[in-house]
Amino acid sequence: MPTQVMSRADVVRVYGTLSGFEPARSDNPVSAGMPAGSVTDDTDQAVIVARLLVEGDGHVDPRRFAEELLSWEKEMKAKGSFDLLGPSTKAALDAVTRGVDVKEAGKYGTTNGAAMRVTPVGIAFDTADAERFLDRVVESCQVTHDTTVGIAGAAAVAAAVSTGIAGGSLDEVFEAAITVSAAGARRGHWTAGADISARIAWARELVADLDTAVALDRIDSLIGTSVASQESVPAAFAVLALTDGDPWRSALLAANLGGDSDTIAAIAGAIAGAVAGLSGLPGDAVRTLQEVNDLELESLTRQLLTYRTR
């Protein structure tokens, strides 16, 4: 949260190495005023997806999703927050408001909004039937990110989370992400962009055997940390490779990147958390998150897990 939209150089100048929760600085244009341990739009929107999956008996209704996202942004504005909808989501929902069909509104969405909030799909469904799994991913993308790039990014994250939930190793997580992302790139409206599946594999190789600081600089300069799916999704997988799947260290290293650091941390942390389980996170950090954000995720997670056994 505190380092989003900061440059990697500014993160190093201000924080040195971020090693725990920090409040946002008053000059951060997005996070200003947020206390240490606050979650951002990534977590809020993932919770919306989770609730809609439960409400829809395993399906995300695109019209309801659009309504919930618009309601969320209205609440954020009422609080004086600058942590609002991303560019693709905003454009799609503006189109829905103008009367554009929800099945057409997301045909230009290429940023990482779908990938950052797709974790509940990975919790709820396994990848045994790849096409059925992708159907669920697409439902969570359609209204805002119904493009080859948007779906490929979301598919990679959802497949990685699902594989971790099923007991898969980090190697198996990478394999699933690469395979399902490639299949996801055949869904949705075609849009030009680098292949996310290939970039995930490349990102892992790029940081192999590097010192952490050097690797973070390499991620920043070569992979990229912007809201583009082709940058932030592979960046999150590079972080996973660096930490060997440790969820707390993954979140911290992502925070030290700057750029769209909250999204990169949300993705890397979700995947690493799926592999390691709750015991992989420090108890005091979990308590801080619950207290600062009034989060009650355990019952929601249990409800999502019931779909895996049906």
C-alpha atoms as a PDB file:
ATOM      1  CA  MET A   1       0.000   0.000   0.000  1.00  0.00           C
ATOM      2  CA  PRO A   2       2.516   2.734   0.969  1.00  0.00           C
ATOM      3  CA  THR A   3       4.753   2.296  -2.088  1.00  0.00           C
ATOM      4  CA  GLN A   4       2.176   2.126  -4.872  1.00  0.00           C
ATOM      5  CA  VAL A   5       2.875   4.581  -7.725  1.00  0.00           C
ATOM      6  CA  MET A   6       6.352   5.319  -6.302  1.00  0.00           C
ATOM      7  CA  SER A   7       9.390   4.621  -8.437  1.00  0.00           C
ATOM      8  CA  ARG A   8      11.772   1.868  -7.396  1.00  0.00           C
ATOM      9  CA  ALA A   9      14.436   4.549  -6.824  1.00  0.00           C
ATOM     10  CA  ASP A  10      12.123   6.566  -4.566  1.00  0.00           C
ATOM     11  CA  VAL A  11      11.193   3.477  -2.553  1.00  0.00           C
ATOM     12  CA  VAL A  12      14.879   2.860  -1.879  1.00  0.00           C
ATOM     13  CA  ARG A  13      15.486   6.546  -1.064  1.00  0.00           C
ATOM     14  CA  VAL A  14      12.540   6.837   1.337  1.00  0.00           C
ATOM     15  CA  TYR A  15      12.424   3.403   2.964  1.00  0.00           C
ATOM     16  CA  GLY A  16      15.770   1.778   2.258  1.00  0.00           C
ATOM     17  CA  THR A  17      14.359  -1.731   2.401  1.00  0.00           C
ATOM     18  CA  LEU A  18      10.723  -2.013   3.461  1.00  0.00           C
ATOM     19  CA  SER A  19      10.571  -4.720   6.125  1.00  0.00           C
ATOM     20  CA  GLY A  20       7.037  -4.444   7.493  1.00  0.00           C
ATOM     21  CA  PHE A  21       3.817  -2.461   7.462  1.00  0.00           C
ATOM     22  CA  GLU A  22       4.198   1.301   7.051  1.00  0.00           C
ATOM     23  CA  PRO A  23       1.636   4.105   6.922  1.00  0.00           C
ATOM     24  CA  ALA A  24       1.304   5.949   3.640  1.00  0.00           C
ATOM     25  CA  ARG A  25       3.208   9.190   3.243  1.00  0.00           C
ATOM     26  CA  SER A  26       1.097  12.307   2.917  1.00  0.00           C
ATOM     27  CA  ASP A  27       2.488  12.973  -0.560  1.00  0.00           C
ATOM     28  CA  ASN A  28       1.439   9.611  -2.029  1.00  0.00           C
ATOM     29  CA  PRO A  29      -1.271  10.494  -4.591  1.00  0.00           C
ATOM     30  CA  VAL A  30      -3.151   7.217  -4.091  1.00  0.00           C
ATOM     31  CA  SER A  31      -2.449   6.018  -0.546  1.00  0.00           C
ATOM     32  CA  ALA A  32      -2.260   9.304   1.375  1.00  0.00           C
ATOM     33  CA  GLY A  33      -3.906   9.021   4.791  1.00  0.00           C
ATOM     34  CA  MET A  34      -4.019   5.217   4.903  1.00  0.00           C
ATOM     35  CA  PRO A  35      -2.682   3.672   8.138  1.00  0.00           C
ATOM     36  CA  ALA A  36      -0.090   0.896   8.267  1.00  0.00           C
ATOM     37  CA  GLY A  37      -1.570  -2.469   7.312  1.00  0.00           C
ATOM     38  CA  SER A  38      -4.377  -1.058   5.166  1.00  0.00           C
ATOM     39  CA  VAL A  39      -5.435  -3.129   2.181  1.00  0.00           C
ATOM     40  CA  THR A  40      -6.125  -1.580  -1.211  1.00  0.00           C
ATOM     41  CA  ASP A  41      -8.519  -2.029  -4.128  1.00  0.00           C
ATOM     42  CA  ASP A  42      -6.993  -5.421  -4.951  1.00  0.00           C
ATOM     43  CA  THR A  43      -8.245  -7.002  -1.726  1.00  0.00           C
ATOM     44  CA  ASP A  44     -11.545  -5.121  -1.718  1.00  0.00           C
ATOM     45  CA  GLN A  45     -12.389  -6.258  -5.240  1.00  0.00           C
ATOM     46  CA  ALA A  46     -11.277  -9.839  -4.585  1.00  0.00           C
ATOM     47  CA  VAL A  47     -13.758  -9.915  -1.700  1.00  0.00           C
ATOM     48  CA  ILE A  48     -16.469  -8.673  -4.072  1.00  0.00           C
ATOM     49  CA  VAL A  49     -15.673 -11.530  -6.492  1.00  0.00           C
ATOM     50  CA  ALA A  50     -15.777 -14.024  -3.618  1.00  0.00           C
ATOM     51  CA  ARG A  51     -19.146 -12.800  -2.396  1.00  0.00           C
ATOM     52  CA  LEU A  52     -20.618 -12.865  -5.893  1.00  0.00           C
ATOM     53  CA  LEU A  53     -19.385 -16.434  -6.416  1.00  0.00           C
ATOM     54  CA  VAL A  54     -21.188 -17.482  -3.249  1.00  0.00           C
ATOM     55  CA  GLU A  55     -24.274 -15.447  -4.119  1.00  0.00           C
ATOM     56  CA  GLY A  56     -24.310 -16.894  -7.664  1.00  0.00           C
ATOM     57  CA  ASP A  57     -23.725 -20.509  -6.595  1.00  0.00           C
ATOM     58  CA  GLY A  58     -20.306 -20.577  -8.221  1.00  0.00           C
ATOM     59  CA  HIS A  59     -20.963 -18.047 -10.977  1.00  0.00           C
ATOM     60  CA  VAL A  60     -20.241 -14.315 -11.269  1.00  0.00           C
ATOM     61  CA  ASP A  61     -23.133 -12.421 -12.817  1.00  0.00           C
ATOM     62  CA  PRO A  62     -21.616  -9.618 -14.946  1.00  0.00           C
ATOM     63  CA  ARG A  63     -24.441  -7.146 -14.297  1.00  0.00           C
ATOM     64  CA  ARG A  64     -24.227  -7.667 -10.541  1.00  0.00           C
ATOM     65  CA  PHE A  65     -20.445  -7.373 -10.735  1.00  0.00           C
ATOM     66  CA  ALA A  66     -20.706  -4.027 -12.513  1.00  0.00           C
ATOM     67  CA  GLU A  67     -23.168  -2.785  -9.885  1.00  0.00           C
ATOM     68  CA  GLU A  68     -20.937  -3.904  -7.018  1.00  0.00           C
ATOM     69  CA  LEU A  69     -17.829  -2.271  -8.473  1.00  0.00           C
ATOM     70  CA  LEU A  70     -19.647   1.013  -9.042  1.00  0.00           C
ATOM     71  CA  SER A  71     -21.003   0.894  -5.497  1.00  0.00           C
ATOM     72  CA  TRP A  72     -17.520   0.208  -4.139  1.00  0.00           C
ATOM     73  CA  GLU A  73     -16.041   3.226  -5.908  1.00  0.00           C
ATOM     74  CA  LYS A  74     -18.875   5.429  -4.650  1.00  0.00           C
ATOM     75  CA  GLU A  75     -18.080   4.341  -1.090  1.00  0.00           C
ATOM     76  CA  MET A  76     -14.369   5.013  -1.616  1.00  0.00           C
ATOM     77  CA  LYS A  77     -15.104   8.526  -2.872  1.00  0.00           C
ATOM     78  CA  ALA A  78     -17.391   9.169   0.094  1.00  0.00           C
ATOM     79  CA  LYS A  79     -14.478   8.275   2.395  1.00  0.00           C
ATOM     80  CA  GLY A  80     -12.223  10.704   0.539  1.00  0.00           C
ATOM     81  CA  SER A  81     -10.086   7.861  -0.789  1.00  0.00           C
ATOM     82  CA  PHE A  82      -8.040   8.181  -3.973  1.00  0.00           C
ATOM     83  CA  ASP A  83      -7.772   4.382  -4.247  1.00  0.00           C
ATOM     84  CA  LEU A  84     -10.372   4.014  -6.970  1.00  0.00           C
ATOM     85  CA  LEU A  85     -11.099   1.939 -10.063  1.00  0.00           C
ATOM     86  CA  GLY A  86      -8.285   1.171 -12.489  1.00  0.00           C
ATOM     87  CA  PRO A  87      -8.309   2.445 -16.095  1.00  0.00           C
ATOM     88  CA  SER A  88      -9.794  -0.620 -17.807  1.00  0.00           C
ATOM     89  CA  THR A  89     -12.426  -1.168 -15.118  1.00  0.00           C
ATOM     90  CA  LYS A  90     -13.362   2.511 -15.065  1.00  0.00           C
ATOM     91  CA  ALA A  91     -13.748   2.667 -18.856  1.00  0.00           C
ATOM     92  CA  ALA A  92     -15.829  -0.526 -18.932  1.00  0.00           C
ATOM     93  CA  LEU A  93     -18.161   0.572 -16.161  1.00  0.00           C
ATOM     94  CA  ASP A  94     -18.593   3.980 -17.745  1.00  0.00           C
ATOM     95  CA  ALA A  95     -19.677   2.095 -20.886  1.00  0.00           C
ATOM     96  CA  VAL A  96     -22.158  -0.007 -18.885  1.00  0.00           C
ATOM     97  CA  THR A  97     -23.572   3.179 -17.356  1.00  0.00           C
ATOM     98  CA  ARG A  98     -24.087   4.554 -20.888  1.00  0.00           C
ATOM     99  CA  GLY A  99     -26.073   1.432 -21.779  1.00  0.00           C
ATOM    100  CA  VAL A 100     -23.417  -0.704 -23.465  1.00  0.00           C
ATOM    101  CA  ASP A 101     -24.134  -4.433 -23.095  1.00  0.00           C
ATOM    102  CA  VAL A 102     -22.105  -5.968 -20.250  1.00  0.00           C
ATOM    103  CA  LYS A 103     -20.892  -8.614 -22.730  1.00  0.00           C
ATOM    104  CA  GLU A 104     -19.254  -5.873 -24.819  1.00  0.00           C
ATOM    105  CA  ALA A 105     -18.067  -3.429 -22.156  1.00  0.00           C
ATOM    106  CA  GLY A 106     -14.806  -5.237 -21.382  1.00  0.00           C
ATOM    107  CA  LYS A 107     -13.497  -5.724 -24.911  1.00  0.00           C
ATOM    108  CA  TYR A 108     -10.712  -3.164 -24.467  1.00  0.00           C
ATOM    109  CA  GLY A 109      -9.603  -4.079 -20.930  1.00  0.00           C
ATOM    110  CA  THR A 110      -5.951  -5.122 -20.931  1.00  0.00           C
ATOM    111  CA  THR A 111      -4.666  -3.969 -17.543  1.00  0.00           C
ATOM    112  CA  ASN A 112      -4.255  -6.107 -14.415  1.00  0.00           C
ATOM    113  CA  GLY A 113      -7.623  -5.486 -12.753  1.00  0.00           C
ATOM    114  CA  ALA A 114      -8.927  -8.972 -13.524  1.00  0.00           C
ATOM    115  CA  ALA A 115      -5.710 -10.671 -12.399  1.00  0.00           C
ATOM    116  CA  MET A 116      -5.545  -8.777  -9.108  1.00  0.00           C
ATOM    117  CA  ARG A 117      -9.015  -9.907  -7.960  1.00  0.00           C
ATOM    118  CA  VAL A 118      -9.286 -13.433  -9.419  1.00  0.00           C
ATOM    119  CA  THR A 119      -7.911 -15.333  -6.394  1.00  0.00           C
ATOM    120  CA  PRO A 120     -11.395 -16.458  -5.196  1.00  0.00           C
ATOM    121  CA  VAL A 121     -11.884 -18.295  -8.499  1.00  0.00           C
ATOM    122  CA  GLY A 122      -8.663 -20.203  -7.862  1.00  0.00           C
ATOM    123  CA  ILE A 123      -9.811 -21.029  -4.342  1.00  0.00           C
ATOM    124  CA  ALA A 124     -13.220 -22.263  -5.461  1.00  0.00           C
ATOM    125  CA  PHE A 125     -12.338 -24.388  -8.508  1.00  0.00           C
ATOM    126  CA  ASP A 126      -9.687 -26.888  -9.528  1.00  0.00           C
ATOM    127  CA  THR A 127      -7.958 -26.992 -12.895  1.00  0.00           C
ATOM    128  CA  ALA A 128      -8.669 -30.639 -13.711  1.00  0.00           C
ATOM    129  CA  ASP A 129     -11.096 -29.592 -16.432  1.00  0.00           C
ATOM    130  CA  ALA A 130      -9.138 -26.713 -17.958  1.00  0.00           C
ATOM    131  CA  GLU A 131     -11.923 -25.394 -20.182  1.00  0.00           C
ATOM    132  CA  ARG A 132     -14.475 -25.415 -17.368  1.00  0.00           C
ATOM    133  CA  PHE A 133     -11.947 -23.666 -15.135  1.00  0.00           C
ATOM    134  CA  LEU A 134     -11.370 -21.030 -17.811  1.00  0.00           C
ATOM    135  CA  ASP A 135     -15.122 -20.496 -18.100  1.00  0.00           C
ATOM    136  CA  ARG A 136     -15.119 -19.434 -14.441  1.00  0.00           C
ATOM    137  CA  VAL A 137     -12.109 -17.183 -14.962  1.00  0.00           C
ATOM    138  CA  VAL A 138     -13.763 -15.538 -17.956  1.00  0.00           C
ATOM    139  CA  GLU A 139     -16.910 -14.850 -15.941  1.00  0.00           C
ATOM    140  CA  SER A 140     -14.834 -12.828 -13.492  1.00  0.00           C
ATOM    141  CA  CYS A 141     -13.138 -10.946 -16.374  1.00  0.00           C
ATOM    142  CA  GLN A 142     -15.940 -10.379 -18.844  1.00  0.00           C
ATOM    143  CA  VAL A 143     -17.444  -7.092 -17.775  1.00  0.00           C
ATOM    144  CA  THR A 144     -14.109  -5.257 -17.544  1.00  0.00           C
ATOM    145  CA  HIS A 145     -11.258  -7.317 -19.074  1.00  0.00           C
ATOM    146  CA  ASP A 146     -12.729  -9.521 -21.799  1.00  0.00           C
ATOM    147  CA  THR A 147      -9.542  -9.564 -23.876  1.00  0.00           C
ATOM    148  CA  THR A 148      -6.890 -12.127 -24.714  1.00  0.00           C
ATOM    149  CA  VAL A 149      -4.376 -10.279 -22.521  1.00  0.00           C
ATOM    150  CA  GLY A 150      -6.722  -9.607 -19.613  1.00  0.00           C
ATOM    151  CA  ILE A 151      -7.936 -13.210 -19.472  1.00  0.00           C
ATOM    152  CA  ALA A 152      -4.430 -14.657 -19.894  1.00  0.00           C
ATOM    153  CA  GLY A 153      -3.210 -12.705 -16.879  1.00  0.00           C
ATOM    154  CA  ALA A 154      -6.174 -13.662 -14.733  1.00  0.00           C
ATOM    155  CA  ALA A 155      -5.952 -17.297 -15.839  1.00  0.00           C
ATOM    156  CA  ALA A 156      -2.307 -17.490 -14.791  1.00  0.00           C
ATOM    157  CA  VAL A 157      -3.060 -16.204 -11.299  1.00  0.00           C
ATOM    158  CA  ALA A 158      -6.196 -18.296 -10.789  1.00  0.00           C
ATOM    159  CA  ALA A 159      -4.480 -21.489 -11.969  1.00  0.00           C
ATOM    160  CA  ALA A 160      -1.489 -20.841  -9.714  1.00  0.00           C
ATOM    161  CA  VAL A 161      -3.733 -20.269  -6.683  1.00  0.00           C
ATOM    162  CA  SER A 162      -5.831 -23.331  -7.474  1.00  0.00           C
ATOM    163  CA  THR A 163      -2.735 -25.521  -7.819  1.00  0.00           C
ATOM    164  CA  GLY A 164      -1.387 -24.258  -4.507  1.00  0.00           C
ATOM    165  CA  ILE A 165      -4.715 -24.927  -2.779  1.00  0.00           C
ATOM    166  CA  ALA A 166      -4.607 -28.478  -4.147  1.00  0.00           C
ATOM    167  CA  GLY A 167      -1.226 -29.062  -2.516  1.00  0.00           C
ATOM    168  CA  GLY A 168       0.963 -28.359  -5.520  1.00  0.00           C
ATOM    169  CA  SER A 169       4.618 -27.390  -5.251  1.00  0.00           C
ATOM    170  CA  LEU A 170       5.981 -24.066  -6.494  1.00  0.00           C
ATOM    171  CA  ASP A 171       7.237 -25.793  -9.650  1.00  0.00           C
ATOM    172  CA  GLU A 172       3.741 -27.151 -10.267  1.00  0.00           C
ATOM    173  CA  VAL A 173       2.290 -23.690  -9.624  1.00  0.00           C
ATOM    174  CA  PHE A 174       4.512 -22.205 -12.331  1.00  0.00           C
ATOM    175  CA  GLU A 175       3.665 -25.023 -14.738  1.00  0.00           C
ATOM    176  CA  ALA A 176      -0.074 -24.537 -14.206  1.00  0.00           C
ATOM    177  CA  ALA A 177       0.161 -20.767 -14.598  1.00  0.00           C
ATOM    178  CA  ILE A 178       2.112 -21.041 -17.844  1.00  0.00           C
ATOM    179  CA  THR A 179      -0.191 -23.712 -19.321  1.00  0.00           C
ATOM    180  CA  VAL A 180      -3.539 -22.195 -18.342  1.00  0.00           C
ATOM    181  CA  SER A 181      -2.426 -18.665 -19.245  1.00  0.00           C
ATOM    182  CA  ALA A 182      -1.628 -19.860 -22.764  1.00  0.00           C
ATOM    183  CA  ALA A 183      -5.126 -21.354 -23.000  1.00  0.00           C
ATOM    184  CA  GLY A 184      -6.652 -18.182 -21.578  1.00  0.00           C
ATOM    185  CA  ALA A 185      -4.997 -16.139 -24.311  1.00  0.00           C
ATOM    186  CA  ARG A 186      -7.309 -17.902 -26.782  1.00  0.00           C
ATOM    187  CA  ARG A 187     -10.385 -16.473 -25.033  1.00  0.00           C
ATOM    188  CA  GLY A 188     -11.867 -12.986 -25.274  1.00  0.00           C
ATOM    189  CA  HIS A 189     -11.378 -10.181 -27.779  1.00  0.00           C
ATOM    190  CA  TRP A 190      -7.974 -10.226 -29.435  1.00  0.00           C
ATOM    191  CA  THR A 191      -5.648  -7.398 -28.490  1.00  0.00           C
ATOM    192  CA  ALA A 192      -1.993  -6.833 -29.284  1.00  0.00           C
ATOM    193  CA  GLY A 193       0.418  -7.581 -26.471  1.00  0.00           C
ATOM    194  CA  ALA A 194       3.293  -9.766 -25.368  1.00  0.00           C
ATOM    195  CA  ASP A 195       2.486 -13.365 -24.442  1.00  0.00           C
ATOM    196  CA  ILE A 196       1.985 -13.509 -20.669  1.00  0.00           C
ATOM    197  CA  SER A 197       2.562 -17.261 -20.493  1.00  0.00           C
ATOM    198  CA  ALA A 198       5.974 -16.899 -22.133  1.00  0.00           C
ATOM    199  CA  ARG A 199       6.849 -13.887 -20.002  1.00  0.00           C
ATOM    200  CA  ILE A 200       6.114 -15.800 -16.778  1.00  0.00           C
ATOM    201  CA  ALA A 201       8.596 -18.493 -17.797  1.00  0.00           C
ATOM    202  CA  TRP A 202      11.137 -15.861 -18.836  1.00  0.00           C
ATOM    203  CA  ALA A 203      10.657 -13.873 -15.611  1.00  0.00           C
ATOM    204  CA  ARG A 204      11.542 -16.901 -13.513  1.00  0.00           C
ATOM    205  CA  GLU A 205      14.742 -17.432 -15.460  1.00  0.00           C
ATOM    206  CA  LEU A 206      15.615 -13.733 -15.369  1.00  0.00           C
ATOM    207  CA  VAL A 207      15.980 -13.573 -11.582  1.00  0.00           C
ATOM    208  CA  ALA A 208      17.548 -17.003 -11.037  1.00  0.00           C
ATOM    209  CA  ASP A 209      20.597 -16.927  -8.748  1.00  0.00           C
ATOM    210  CA  LEU A 210      20.590 -13.123  -8.438  1.00  0.00           C
ATOM    211  CA  ASP A 211      21.113 -11.077  -5.286  1.00  0.00           C
ATOM    212  CA  THR A 212      17.735  -9.753  -4.078  1.00  0.00           C
ATOM    213  CA  ALA A 213      18.453  -6.055  -4.688  1.00  0.00           C
ATOM    214  CA  VAL A 214      19.872  -6.780  -8.139  1.00  0.00           C
ATOM    215  CA  ALA A 215      16.873  -8.974  -8.954  1.00  0.00           C
ATOM    216  CA  LEU A 216      14.404  -6.264  -7.899  1.00  0.00           C
ATOM    217  CA  ASP A 217      16.206  -3.751 -10.109  1.00  0.00           C
ATOM    218  CA  ARG A 218      16.080  -6.273 -12.961  1.00  0.00           C
ATOM    219  CA  ILE A 219      12.319  -6.782 -12.482  1.00  0.00           C
ATOM    220  CA  ASP A 220      11.803  -3.031 -12.432  1.00  0.00           C
ATOM    221  CA  SER A 221      13.848  -2.294 -15.545  1.00  0.00           C
ATOM    222  CA  LEU A 222      13.191  -5.330 -17.755  1.00  0.00           C
ATOM    223  CA  ILE A 223       9.864  -6.891 -16.723  1.00  0.00           C
ATOM    224  CA  GLY A 224       8.181  -3.704 -15.572  1.00  0.00           C
ATOM    225  CA  THR A 225       5.839  -2.845 -12.721  1.00  0.00           C
ATOM    226  CA  SER A 226       3.061  -0.916 -14.447  1.00  0.00           C
ATOM    227  CA  VAL A 227      -0.660  -1.741 -14.524  1.00  0.00           C
ATOM    228  CA  ALA A 228      -0.139  -3.556 -17.835  1.00  0.00           C
ATOM    229  CA  SER A 229      -0.926  -7.241 -17.407  1.00  0.00           C
ATOM    230  CA  GLN A 230       2.165  -8.182 -19.406  1.00  0.00           C
ATOM    231  CA  GLU A 231       4.332  -6.438 -16.796  1.00  0.00           C
ATOM    232  CA  SER A 232       2.745  -6.818 -13.359  1.00  0.00           C
ATOM    233  CA  VAL A 233       1.667 -10.465 -13.679  1.00  0.00           C
ATOM    234  CA  PRO A 234       5.124 -11.757 -14.759  1.00  0.00           C
ATOM    235  CA  ALA A 235       6.680  -9.431 -12.151  1.00  0.00           C
ATOM    236  CA  ALA A 236       4.647 -11.177  -9.449  1.00  0.00           C
ATOM    237  CA  PHE A 237       5.881 -14.572 -10.622  1.00  0.00           C
ATOM    238  CA  ALA A 238       9.468 -13.279 -10.623  1.00  0.00           C
ATOM    239  CA  VAL A 239       8.963 -12.268  -6.984  1.00  0.00           C
ATOM    240  CA  LEU A 240       7.664 -15.779  -6.230  1.00  0.00           C
ATOM    241  CA  ALA A 241      10.775 -17.273  -7.762  1.00  0.00           C
ATOM    242  CA  LEU A 242      12.979 -14.985  -5.659  1.00  0.00           C
ATOM    243  CA  THR A 243      11.278 -15.914  -2.383  1.00  0.00           C
ATOM    244  CA  ASP A 244      10.833 -19.609  -3.163  1.00  0.00           C
ATOM    245  CA  GLY A 245       7.128 -19.113  -2.460  1.00  0.00           C
ATOM    246  CA  ASP A 246       7.354 -17.506   0.994  1.00  0.00           C
ATOM    247  CA  PRO A 247       4.136 -15.419   1.280  1.00  0.00           C
ATOM    248  CA  TRP A 248       5.301 -12.728   3.724  1.00  0.00           C
ATOM    249  CA  ARG A 249       8.612 -12.199   1.956  1.00  0.00           C
ATOM    250  CA  SER A 250       6.793 -12.137  -1.390  1.00  0.00           C
ATOM    251  CA  ALA A 251       4.566  -9.303  -0.202  1.00  0.00           C
ATOM    252  CA  LEU A 252       7.532  -7.375   1.182  1.00  0.00           C
ATOM    253  CA  LEU A 253       9.691  -7.754  -1.916  1.00  0.00           C
ATOM    254  CA  ALA A 254       6.808  -6.668  -4.136  1.00  0.00           C
ATOM    255  CA  ALA A 255       6.293  -3.609  -1.939  1.00  0.00           C
ATOM    256  CA  ASN A 256       9.953  -2.731  -2.438  1.00  0.00           C
ATOM    257  CA  LEU A 257       9.472  -2.661  -6.214  1.00  0.00           C
ATOM    258  CA  GLY A 258       7.202   0.379  -6.326  1.00  0.00           C
ATOM    259  CA  GLY A 259       5.068   0.947  -9.408  1.00  0.00           C
ATOM    260  CA  ASP A 260       1.835  -1.022  -9.115  1.00  0.00           C
ATOM    261  CA  SER A 261       3.351  -2.643  -6.043  1.00  0.00           C
ATOM    262  CA  ASP A 262       0.099  -3.361  -4.243  1.00  0.00           C
ATOM    263  CA  THR A 263      -1.165  -5.433  -7.164  1.00  0.00           C
ATOM    264  CA  ILE A 264       2.117  -7.276  -7.639  1.00  0.00           C
ATOM    265  CA  ALA A 265       2.132  -8.038  -3.901  1.00  0.00           C
ATOM    266  CA  ALA A 266      -1.529  -9.091  -3.976  1.00  0.00           C
ATOM    267  CA  ILE A 267      -0.852 -11.585  -6.768  1.00  0.00           C
ATOM    268  CA  ALA A 268       2.443 -12.940  -5.417  1.00  0.00           C
ATOM    269  CA  GLY A 269       1.079 -13.080  -1.873  1.00  0.00           C
ATOM    270  CA  ALA A 270      -2.096 -14.875  -2.932  1.00  0.00           C
ATOM    271  CA  ILE A 271      -0.208 -17.555  -4.845  1.00  0.00           C
ATOM    272  CA  ALA A 272       2.444 -18.031  -2.159  1.00  0.00           C
ATOM    273  CA  GLY A 273      -0.276 -18.106   0.481  1.00  0.00           C
ATOM    274  CA  ALA A 274      -2.118 -20.800  -1.425  1.00  0.00           C
ATOM    275  CA  VAL A 275       1.038 -22.928  -1.431  1.00  0.00           C
ATOM    276  CA  ALA A 276       2.135 -22.263   2.148  1.00  0.00           C
ATOM    277  CA  GLY A 277      -1.204 -21.871   3.921  1.00  0.00           C
ATOM    278  CA  LEU A 278      -2.030 -19.452   6.719  1.00  0.00           C
ATOM    279  CA  SER A 279       0.838 -20.794   8.827  1.00  0.00           C
ATOM    280  CA  GLY A 280       3.216 -19.269   6.296  1.00  0.00           C
ATOM    281  CA  LEU A 281       2.278 -15.770   7.453  1.00  0.00           C
ATOM    282  CA  PRO A 282       3.438 -14.130  10.699  1.00  0.00           C
ATOM    283  CA  GLY A 283       0.637 -14.166  13.262  1.00  0.00           C
ATOM    284  CA  ASP A 284       1.148 -10.527  14.223  1.00  0.00           C
ATOM    285  CA  ALA A 285       0.864  -9.434  10.584  1.00  0.00           C
ATOM    286  CA  VAL A 286      -2.397 -11.354  10.171  1.00  0.00           C
ATOM    287  CA  ARG A 287      -3.796  -9.777  13.351  1.00  0.00           C
ATOM    288  CA  THR A 288      -2.845  -6.302  12.129  1.00  0.00           C
ATOM    289  CA  LEU A 289      -4.604  -6.883   8.814  1.00  0.00           C
ATOM    290  CA  GLN A 290      -7.745  -8.083  10.556  1.00  0.00           C
ATOM    291  CA  GLU A 291      -7.810  -5.204  13.031  1.00  0.00           C
ATOM    292  CA  VAL A 292      -6.978  -2.371  10.630  1.00  0.00           C
ATOM    293  CA  ASN A 293      -9.327  -3.536   7.863  1.00  0.00           C
ATOM    294  CA  ASP A 294     -12.071  -5.351   9.769  1.00  0.00           C
ATOM    295  CA  LEU A 295     -11.500  -8.355   7.512  1.00  0.00           C
ATOM    296  CA  GLU A 296     -13.447 -11.569   8.062  1.00  0.00           C
ATOM    297  CA  LEU A 297     -12.168 -13.835   5.320  1.00  0.00           C
ATOM    298  CA  GLU A 298     -12.230 -17.279   6.928  1.00  0.00           C
ATOM    299  CA  SER A 299     -15.964 -17.954   6.595  1.00  0.00           C
ATOM    300  CA  LEU A 300     -15.960 -16.633   3.033  1.00  0.00           C
ATOM    301  CA  THR A 301     -13.010 -18.856   2.170  1.00  0.00           C
ATOM    302  CA  ARG A 302     -14.718 -21.905   3.656  1.00  0.00           C
ATOM    303  CA  GLN A 303     -17.755 -21.215   1.482  1.00  0.00           C
ATOM    304  CA  LEU A 304     -15.573 -20.979  -1.635  1.00  0.00           C
ATOM    305  CA  LEU A 305     -13.838 -24.246  -0.805  1.00  0.00           C
ATOM    306  CA  THR A 306     -17.135 -26.129  -0.835  1.00  0.00           C
ATOM    307  CA  TYR A 307     -17.219 -25.801  -4.651  1.00  0.00           C
ATOM    308  CA  ARG A 308     -14.048 -27.891  -4.943  1.00  0.00           C
ATOM    309  CA  THR A 309     -15.766 -30.885  -3.390  1.00  0.00           C
ATOM    310  CA  ARG A 310     -18.945 -30.821  -5.438  1.00  0.00           C
END
